[in-house]
Amino acid sequence: MNNLISLDHLLPGEEAGVEYFHTKDTLTRRLVDLGFVKGNRVRCLMRSAAGDPSAYKIRGAVIALRNQDAGNIMVRPRDKAALWD
């Protein structure tokens, strides 16, 4: 699968590679500090009961992001059978 999607479209258990994001300056710094840089792998772990926020695992850390923020992060979904580079 080669199409880019926003992070908020990942379902629990799905993984993707970070491609880029478009955010305001304050959130940009936070996302980079958390590991949202091109090529890093991110996995959706779960969504809250109300559906927002969602929990993601990136670089060994579990973080929660609101759908509004996750919608600004573009990722490349990985086929479950595909190997990571």
PDB file of N, CA and C in Angstrom:
ATOM      1  N   MET A   1       0.857  -1.169   0.000  1.00  0.00           N
ATOM      2  CA  MET A   1       0.000   0.000   0.000  1.00  0.00           C
ATOM      3  C   MET A   1       0.901   1.228   0.000  1.00  0.00           C
ATOM      4  N   ASN A   2       0.776   2.078  -1.006  1.00  0.00           N
ATOM      5  CA  ASN A   2       1.667   3.220  -1.138  1.00  0.00           C
ATOM      6  C   ASN A   2       1.011   4.560  -0.862  1.00  0.00           C
ATOM      7  N   ASN A   3      -0.268   4.592  -0.596  1.00  0.00           N
ATOM      8  CA  ASN A   3      -0.971   5.844  -0.379  1.00  0.00           C
ATOM      9  C   ASN A   3      -0.734   6.379   1.024  1.00  0.00           C
ATOM     10  N   LEU A   4      -0.595   7.689   1.121  1.00  0.00           N
ATOM     11  CA  LEU A   4      -0.448   8.326   2.422  1.00  0.00           C
ATOM     12  C   LEU A   4      -1.815   8.565   3.032  1.00  0.00           C
ATOM     13  N   ILE A   5      -1.887   8.414   4.342  1.00  0.00           N
ATOM     14  CA  ILE A   5      -3.101   8.723   5.098  1.00  0.00           C
ATOM     15  C   ILE A   5      -2.688   9.524   6.320  1.00  0.00           C
ATOM     16  N   SER A   6      -3.645  10.141   6.957  1.00  0.00           N
ATOM     17  CA  SER A   6      -3.324  10.832   8.204  1.00  0.00           C
ATOM     18  C   SER A   6      -3.343   9.821   9.351  1.00  0.00           C
ATOM     19  N   LEU A   7      -2.564  10.093  10.366  1.00  0.00           N
ATOM     20  CA  LEU A   7      -2.388   9.172  11.481  1.00  0.00           C
ATOM     21  C   LEU A   7      -3.706   8.808  12.149  1.00  0.00           C
ATOM     22  N   ASP A   8      -4.639   9.733  12.197  1.00  0.00           N
ATOM     23  CA  ASP A   8      -5.907   9.449  12.855  1.00  0.00           C
ATOM     24  C   ASP A   8      -6.747   8.392  12.140  1.00  0.00           C
ATOM     25  N   HIS A   9      -6.356   7.984  10.934  1.00  0.00           N
ATOM     26  CA  HIS A   9      -7.065   6.940  10.208  1.00  0.00           C
ATOM     27  C   HIS A   9      -6.516   5.541  10.483  1.00  0.00           C
ATOM     28  N   LEU A  10      -5.398   5.425  11.211  1.00  0.00           N
ATOM     29  CA  LEU A  10      -4.887   4.099  11.568  1.00  0.00           C
ATOM     30  C   LEU A  10      -5.834   3.446  12.567  1.00  0.00           C
ATOM     31  N   LEU A  11      -6.087   2.182  12.378  1.00  0.00           N
ATOM     32  CA  LEU A  11      -6.913   1.422  13.312  1.00  0.00           C
ATOM     33  C   LEU A  11      -6.017   0.779  14.361  1.00  0.00           C
ATOM     34  N   PRO A  12      -6.549   0.488  15.542  1.00  0.00           N
ATOM     35  CA  PRO A  12      -5.736  -0.184  16.560  1.00  0.00           C
ATOM     36  C   PRO A  12      -5.081  -1.443  16.000  1.00  0.00           C
ATOM     37  N   GLY A  13      -3.775  -1.546  16.252  1.00  0.00           N
ATOM     38  CA  GLY A  13      -2.994  -2.678  15.765  1.00  0.00           C
ATOM     39  C   GLY A  13      -2.268  -2.408  14.460  1.00  0.00           C
ATOM     40  N   GLU A  14      -2.640  -1.369  13.735  1.00  0.00           N
ATOM     41  CA  GLU A  14      -1.991  -1.055  12.470  1.00  0.00           C
ATOM     42  C   GLU A  14      -0.738  -0.212  12.699  1.00  0.00           C
ATOM     43  N   GLU A  15       0.240  -0.407  11.811  1.00  0.00           N
ATOM     44  CA  GLU A  15       1.496   0.331  11.865  1.00  0.00           C
ATOM     45  C   GLU A  15       1.681   1.131  10.592  1.00  0.00           C
ATOM     46  N   ALA A  16       2.481   2.178  10.705  1.00  0.00           N
ATOM     47  CA  ALA A  16       2.785   3.014   9.546  1.00  0.00           C
ATOM     48  C   ALA A  16       4.124   3.689   9.765  1.00  0.00           C
ATOM     49  N   GLY A  17       4.679   4.182   8.691  1.00  0.00           N
ATOM     50  CA  GLY A  17       5.908   4.962   8.750  1.00  0.00           C
ATOM     51  C   GLY A  17       5.574   6.436   8.622  1.00  0.00           C
ATOM     52  N   VAL A  18       6.160   7.242   9.468  1.00  0.00           N
ATOM     53  CA  VAL A  18       5.928   8.690   9.422  1.00  0.00           C
ATOM     54  C   VAL A  18       6.537   9.251   8.141  1.00  0.00           C
ATOM     55  N   GLU A  19       5.784  10.082   7.451  1.00  0.00           N
ATOM     56  CA  GLU A  19       6.277  10.743   6.241  1.00  0.00           C
ATOM     57  C   GLU A  19       6.523  12.230   6.497  1.00  0.00           C
ATOM     58  N   TYR A  20       5.510  12.938   6.935  1.00  0.00           N
ATOM     59  CA  TYR A  20       5.657  14.363   7.244  1.00  0.00           C
ATOM     60  C   TYR A  20       4.450  14.817   8.040  1.00  0.00           C
ATOM     61  N   PHE A  21       4.506  16.039   8.552  1.00  0.00           N
ATOM     62  CA  PHE A  21       3.352  16.617   9.225  1.00  0.00           C
ATOM     63  C   PHE A  21       3.316  18.110   8.957  1.00  0.00           C
ATOM     64  N   HIS A  22       2.143  18.670   9.078  1.00  0.00           N
ATOM     65  CA  HIS A  22       1.960  20.105   8.897  1.00  0.00           C
ATOM     66  C   HIS A  22       1.165  20.619  10.085  1.00  0.00           C
ATOM     67  N   THR A  23       1.867  21.359  10.944  1.00  0.00           N
ATOM     68  CA  THR A  23       1.271  21.841  12.193  1.00  0.00           C
ATOM     69  C   THR A  23       1.766  23.241  12.490  1.00  0.00           C
ATOM     70  N   LYS A  24       1.233  23.794  13.560  1.00  0.00           N
ATOM     71  CA  LYS A  24       1.707  25.084  14.050  1.00  0.00           C
ATOM     72  C   LYS A  24       3.032  24.873  14.775  1.00  0.00           C
ATOM     73  N   ASP A  25       3.808  25.916  14.922  1.00  0.00           N
ATOM     74  CA  ASP A  25       5.156  25.830  15.474  1.00  0.00           C
ATOM     75  C   ASP A  25       5.236  25.143  16.831  1.00  0.00           C
ATOM     76  N   THR A  26       4.325  25.435  17.739  1.00  0.00           N
ATOM     77  CA  THR A  26       4.408  24.849  19.079  1.00  0.00           C
ATOM     78  C   THR A  26       4.208  23.340  19.046  1.00  0.00           C
ATOM     79  N   LEU A  27       3.310  22.860  18.218  1.00  0.00           N
ATOM     80  CA  LEU A  27       3.084  21.421  18.112  1.00  0.00           C
ATOM     81  C   LEU A  27       4.203  20.750  17.325  1.00  0.00           C
ATOM     82  N   THR A  28       4.782  21.457  16.373  1.00  0.00           N
ATOM     83  CA  THR A  28       5.881  20.894  15.585  1.00  0.00           C
ATOM     84  C   THR A  28       7.020  20.455  16.501  1.00  0.00           C
ATOM     85  N   ARG A  29       7.422  21.315  17.397  1.00  0.00           N
ATOM     86  CA  ARG A  29       8.518  20.991  18.326  1.00  0.00           C
ATOM     87  C   ARG A  29       8.180  19.771  19.171  1.00  0.00           C
ATOM     88  N   ARG A  30       6.950  19.715  19.688  1.00  0.00           N
ATOM     89  CA  ARG A  30       6.517  18.593  20.519  1.00  0.00           C
ATOM     90  C   ARG A  30       6.553  17.284  19.726  1.00  0.00           C
ATOM     91  N   LEU A  31       6.050  17.307  18.495  1.00  0.00           N
ATOM     92  CA  LEU A  31       6.022  16.090  17.685  1.00  0.00           C
ATOM     93  C   LEU A  31       7.429  15.592  17.364  1.00  0.00           C
ATOM     94  N   VAL A  32       8.322  16.495  17.033  1.00  0.00           N
ATOM     95  CA  VAL A  32       9.714  16.103  16.761  1.00  0.00           C
ATOM     96  C   VAL A  32      10.345  15.515  18.013  1.00  0.00           C
ATOM     97  N   ASP A  33      10.124  16.138  19.169  1.00  0.00           N
ATOM     98  CA  ASP A  33      10.667  15.616  20.425  1.00  0.00           C
ATOM     99  C   ASP A  33      10.123  14.222  20.746  1.00  0.00           C
ATOM    100  N   LEU A  34       8.894  13.953  20.340  1.00  0.00           N
ATOM    101  CA  LEU A  34       8.287  12.637  20.583  1.00  0.00           C
ATOM    102  C   LEU A  34       8.746  11.582  19.586  1.00  0.00           C
ATOM    103  N   GLY A  35       9.391  11.994  18.503  1.00  0.00           N
ATOM    104  CA  GLY A  35       9.909  11.036  17.531  1.00  0.00           C
ATOM    105  C   GLY A  35       9.181  11.001  16.211  1.00  0.00           C
ATOM    106  N   PHE A  36       8.302  11.945  15.968  1.00  0.00           N
ATOM    107  CA  PHE A  36       7.585  11.982  14.702  1.00  0.00           C
ATOM    108  C   PHE A  36       8.455  12.623  13.630  1.00  0.00           C
ATOM    109  N   VAL A  37       9.419  11.848  13.150  1.00  0.00           N
ATOM    110  CA  VAL A  37      10.284  12.273  12.057  1.00  0.00           C
ATOM    111  C   VAL A  37      10.192  11.224  10.957  1.00  0.00           C
ATOM    112  N   LYS A  38      10.464  11.648   9.749  1.00  0.00           N
ATOM    113  CA  LYS A  38      10.313  10.775   8.587  1.00  0.00           C
ATOM    114  C   LYS A  38      11.018   9.437   8.799  1.00  0.00           C
ATOM    115  N   GLY A  39      10.279   8.379   8.541  1.00  0.00           N
ATOM    116  CA  GLY A  39      10.830   7.031   8.605  1.00  0.00           C
ATOM    117  C   GLY A  39      10.566   6.299   9.903  1.00  0.00           C
ATOM    118  N   ASN A  40      10.268   7.011  10.974  1.00  0.00           N
ATOM    119  CA  ASN A  40      10.001   6.319  12.234  1.00  0.00           C
ATOM    120  C   ASN A  40       8.675   5.574  12.160  1.00  0.00           C
ATOM    121  N   ARG A  41       8.658   4.425  12.804  1.00  0.00           N
ATOM    122  CA  ARG A  41       7.471   3.580  12.821  1.00  0.00           C
ATOM    123  C   ARG A  41       6.556   3.997  13.961  1.00  0.00           C
ATOM    124  N   VAL A  42       5.255   4.015  13.681  1.00  0.00           N
ATOM    125  CA  VAL A  42       4.258   4.349  14.692  1.00  0.00           C
ATOM    126  C   VAL A  42       3.142   3.312  14.606  1.00  0.00           C
ATOM    127  N   ARG A  43       2.639   2.907  15.768  1.00  0.00           N
ATOM    128  CA  ARG A  43       1.550   1.919  15.830  1.00  0.00           C
ATOM    129  C   ARG A  43       0.401   2.505  16.631  1.00  0.00           C
ATOM    130  N   CYS A  44      -0.800   2.340  16.117  1.00  0.00           N
ATOM    131  CA  CYS A  44      -1.988   2.743  16.867  1.00  0.00           C
ATOM    132  C   CYS A  44      -2.283   1.620  17.858  1.00  0.00           C
ATOM    133  N   LEU A  45      -2.304   1.954  19.125  1.00  0.00           N
ATOM    134  CA  LEU A  45      -2.559   0.947  20.154  1.00  0.00           C
ATOM    135  C   LEU A  45      -4.037   0.841  20.486  1.00  0.00           C
ATOM    136  N   MET A  46      -4.684   1.983  20.687  1.00  0.00           N
ATOM    137  CA  MET A  46      -6.104   1.959  21.042  1.00  0.00           C
ATOM    138  C   MET A  46      -6.705   3.339  20.930  1.00  0.00           C
ATOM    139  N   ARG A  47      -8.010   3.367  20.898  1.00  0.00           N
ATOM    140  CA  ARG A  47      -8.752   4.622  20.940  1.00  0.00           C
ATOM    141  C   ARG A  47      -9.509   4.660  22.261  1.00  0.00           C
ATOM    142  N   SER A  48      -9.737   5.851  22.767  1.00  0.00           N
ATOM    143  CA  SER A  48     -10.517   5.968  24.004  1.00  0.00           C
ATOM    144  C   SER A  48     -11.955   5.548  23.711  1.00  0.00           C
ATOM    145  N   ALA A  49     -12.711   5.349  24.747  1.00  0.00           N
ATOM    146  CA  ALA A  49     -14.103   4.906  24.585  1.00  0.00           C
ATOM    147  C   ALA A  49     -14.908   5.883  23.731  1.00  0.00           C
ATOM    148  N   ALA A  50     -14.607   7.159  23.846  1.00  0.00           N
ATOM    149  CA  ALA A  50     -15.310   8.168  23.051  1.00  0.00           C
ATOM    150  C   ALA A  50     -14.703   8.328  21.659  1.00  0.00           C
ATOM    151  N   GLY A  51     -13.570   7.654  21.397  1.00  0.00           N
ATOM    152  CA  GLY A  51     -12.926   7.730  20.092  1.00  0.00           C
ATOM    153  C   GLY A  51     -11.860   8.801  19.968  1.00  0.00           C
ATOM    154  N   ASP A  52     -11.702   9.621  20.987  1.00  0.00           N
ATOM    155  CA  ASP A  52     -10.710  10.698  20.941  1.00  0.00           C
ATOM    156  C   ASP A  52     -10.284  11.010  22.363  1.00  0.00           C
ATOM    157  N   PRO A  53      -9.027  10.908  22.735  1.00  0.00           N
ATOM    158  CA  PRO A  53      -7.834  10.733  21.912  1.00  0.00           C
ATOM    159  C   PRO A  53      -7.552   9.255  21.617  1.00  0.00           C
ATOM    160  N   SER A  54      -6.454   9.041  20.896  1.00  0.00           N
ATOM    161  CA  SER A  54      -5.969   7.696  20.599  1.00  0.00           C
ATOM    162  C   SER A  54      -4.559   7.549  21.144  1.00  0.00           C
ATOM    163  N   ALA A  55      -4.195   6.310  21.477  1.00  0.00           N
ATOM    164  CA  ALA A  55      -2.853   6.020  21.990  1.00  0.00           C
ATOM    165  C   ALA A  55      -2.007   5.433  20.866  1.00  0.00           C
ATOM    166  N   TYR A  56      -0.771   5.925  20.768  1.00  0.00           N
ATOM    167  CA  TYR A  56       0.164   5.472  19.741  1.00  0.00           C
ATOM    168  C   TYR A  56       1.483   5.101  20.393  1.00  0.00           C
ATOM    169  N   LYS A  57       2.164   4.137  19.796  1.00  0.00           N
ATOM    170  CA  LYS A  57       3.497   3.774  20.261  1.00  0.00           C
ATOM    171  C   LYS A  57       4.498   4.207  19.201  1.00  0.00           C
ATOM    172  N   ILE A  58       5.482   4.991  19.636  1.00  0.00           N
ATOM    173  CA  ILE A  58       6.544   5.443  18.740  1.00  0.00           C
ATOM    174  C   ILE A  58       7.838   5.497  19.530  1.00  0.00           C
ATOM    175  N   ARG A  59       8.874   4.891  18.990  1.00  0.00           N
ATOM    176  CA  ARG A  59      10.196   4.846  19.616  1.00  0.00           C
ATOM    177  C   ARG A  59      10.137   4.345  21.061  1.00  0.00           C
ATOM    178  N   GLY A  60       9.285   3.358  21.323  1.00  0.00           N
ATOM    179  CA  GLY A  60       9.205   2.750  22.647  1.00  0.00           C
ATOM    180  C   GLY A  60       8.341   3.483  23.643  1.00  0.00           C
ATOM    181  N   ALA A  61       7.814   4.625  23.270  1.00  0.00           N
ATOM    182  CA  ALA A  61       6.969   5.402  24.180  1.00  0.00           C
ATOM    183  C   ALA A  61       5.515   5.326  23.731  1.00  0.00           C
ATOM    184  N   VAL A  62       4.617   5.350  24.692  1.00  0.00           N
ATOM    185  CA  VAL A  62       3.187   5.397  24.395  1.00  0.00           C
ATOM    186  C   VAL A  62       2.712   6.819  24.644  1.00  0.00           C
ATOM    187  N   ILE A  63       2.093   7.408  23.632  1.00  0.00           N
ATOM    188  CA  ILE A  63       1.606   8.776  23.750  1.00  0.00           C
ATOM    189  C   ILE A  63       0.150   8.831  23.318  1.00  0.00           C
ATOM    190  N   ALA A  64      -0.559   9.819  23.803  1.00  0.00           N
ATOM    191  CA  ALA A  64      -1.942  10.050  23.395  1.00  0.00           C
ATOM    192  C   ALA A  64      -1.987  11.325  22.567  1.00  0.00           C
ATOM    193  N   LEU A  65      -2.675  11.257  21.457  1.00  0.00           N
ATOM    194  CA  LEU A  65      -2.861  12.425  20.603  1.00  0.00           C
ATOM    195  C   LEU A  65      -4.337  12.605  20.302  1.00  0.00           C
ATOM    196  N   ARG A  66      -4.766  13.844  20.315  1.00  0.00           N
ATOM    197  CA  ARG A  66      -6.131  14.143  19.882  1.00  0.00           C
ATOM    198  C   ARG A  66      -6.226  13.898  18.382  1.00  0.00           C
ATOM    199  N   ASN A  67      -7.396  13.520  17.927  1.00  0.00           N
ATOM    200  CA  ASN A  67      -7.594  13.277  16.496  1.00  0.00           C
ATOM    201  C   ASN A  67      -7.262  14.511  15.667  1.00  0.00           C
ATOM    202  N   GLN A  68      -7.549  15.679  16.201  1.00  0.00           N
ATOM    203  CA  GLN A  68      -7.247  16.921  15.490  1.00  0.00           C
ATOM    204  C   GLN A  68      -5.747  17.032  15.211  1.00  0.00           C
ATOM    205  N   ASP A  69      -4.911  16.664  16.186  1.00  0.00           N
ATOM    206  CA  ASP A  69      -3.457  16.720  16.009  1.00  0.00           C
ATOM    207  C   ASP A  69      -2.965  15.566  15.144  1.00  0.00           C
ATOM    208  N   ALA A  70      -3.487  14.374  15.382  1.00  0.00           N
ATOM    209  CA  ALA A  70      -3.079  13.201  14.595  1.00  0.00           C
ATOM    210  C   ALA A  70      -3.460  13.369  13.124  1.00  0.00           C
ATOM    211  N   GLY A  71      -4.496  14.131  12.860  1.00  0.00           N
ATOM    212  CA  GLY A  71      -4.923  14.372  11.482  1.00  0.00           C
ATOM    213  C   GLY A  71      -3.930  15.185  10.674  1.00  0.00           C
ATOM    214  N   ASN A  72      -2.981  15.829  11.337  1.00  0.00           N
ATOM    215  CA  ASN A  72      -1.958  16.621  10.656  1.00  0.00           C
ATOM    216  C   ASN A  72      -0.678  15.842  10.392  1.00  0.00           C
ATOM    217  N   ILE A  73      -0.632  14.590  10.810  1.00  0.00           N
ATOM    218  CA  ILE A  73       0.557  13.754  10.633  1.00  0.00           C
ATOM    219  C   ILE A  73       0.277  12.754   9.515  1.00  0.00           C
ATOM    220  N   MET A  74       1.048  12.839   8.445  1.00  0.00           N
ATOM    221  CA  MET A  74       0.852  11.948   7.307  1.00  0.00           C
ATOM    222  C   MET A  74       1.773  10.740   7.433  1.00  0.00           C
ATOM    223  N   VAL A  75       1.193   9.565   7.242  1.00  0.00           N
ATOM    224  CA  VAL A  75       1.944   8.313   7.400  1.00  0.00           C
ATOM    225  C   VAL A  75       1.709   7.412   6.196  1.00  0.00           C
ATOM    226  N   ARG A  76       2.620   6.469   6.012  1.00  0.00           N
ATOM    227  CA  ARG A  76       2.506   5.459   4.964  1.00  0.00           C
ATOM    228  C   ARG A  76       2.204   4.131   5.644  1.00  0.00           C
ATOM    229  N   PRO A  77       0.965   3.649   5.510  1.00  0.00           N
ATOM    230  CA  PRO A  77       0.601   2.380   6.158  1.00  0.00           C
ATOM    231  C   PRO A  77       1.472   1.240   5.651  1.00  0.00           C
ATOM    232  N   ARG A  78       1.759   0.316   6.540  1.00  0.00           N
ATOM    233  CA  ARG A  78       2.558  -0.849   6.189  1.00  0.00           C
ATOM    234  C   ARG A  78       1.670  -2.073   6.132  1.00  0.00           C
ATOM    235  N   ASP A  79       1.878  -2.861   5.095  1.00  0.00           N
ATOM    236  CA  ASP A  79       1.183  -4.135   4.989  1.00  0.00           C
ATOM    237  C   ASP A  79       1.632  -5.001   6.145  1.00  0.00           C
ATOM    238  N   LYS A  80       0.706  -5.716   6.761  1.00  0.00           N
ATOM    239  CA  LYS A  80       1.054  -6.550   7.916  1.00  0.00           C
ATOM    240  C   LYS A  80       2.144  -7.561   7.592  1.00  0.00           C
ATOM    241  N   ALA A  81       2.252  -7.966   6.340  1.00  0.00           N
ATOM    242  CA  ALA A  81       3.268  -8.959   5.947  1.00  0.00           C
ATOM    243  C   ALA A  81       4.589  -8.305   5.556  1.00  0.00           C
ATOM    244  N   ALA A  82       4.594  -6.992   5.367  1.00  0.00           N
ATOM    245  CA  ALA A  82       5.801  -6.303   4.918  1.00  0.00           C
ATOM    246  C   ALA A  82       6.842  -6.228   6.036  1.00  0.00           C
ATOM    247  N   LEU A  83       8.079  -6.262   5.642  1.00  0.00           N
ATOM    248  CA  LEU A  83       9.173  -6.108   6.604  1.00  0.00           C
ATOM    249  C   LEU A  83       9.564  -4.638   6.655  1.00  0.00           C
ATOM    250  N   TRP A  84       9.964  -4.195   7.844  1.00  0.00           N
ATOM    251  CA  TRP A  84      10.449  -2.832   8.008  1.00  0.00           C
ATOM    252  C   TRP A  84      11.870  -2.754   7.517  1.00  0.00           C
ATOM    253  N   ASP A  85      12.208  -1.607   6.931  1.00  0.00           N
ATOM    254  CA  ASP A  85      13.585  -1.370   6.463  1.00  0.00           C
ATOM    255  C   ASP A  85      14.545  -1.301   7.621  1.00  0.00           C
TER     256      ASP A  85
END
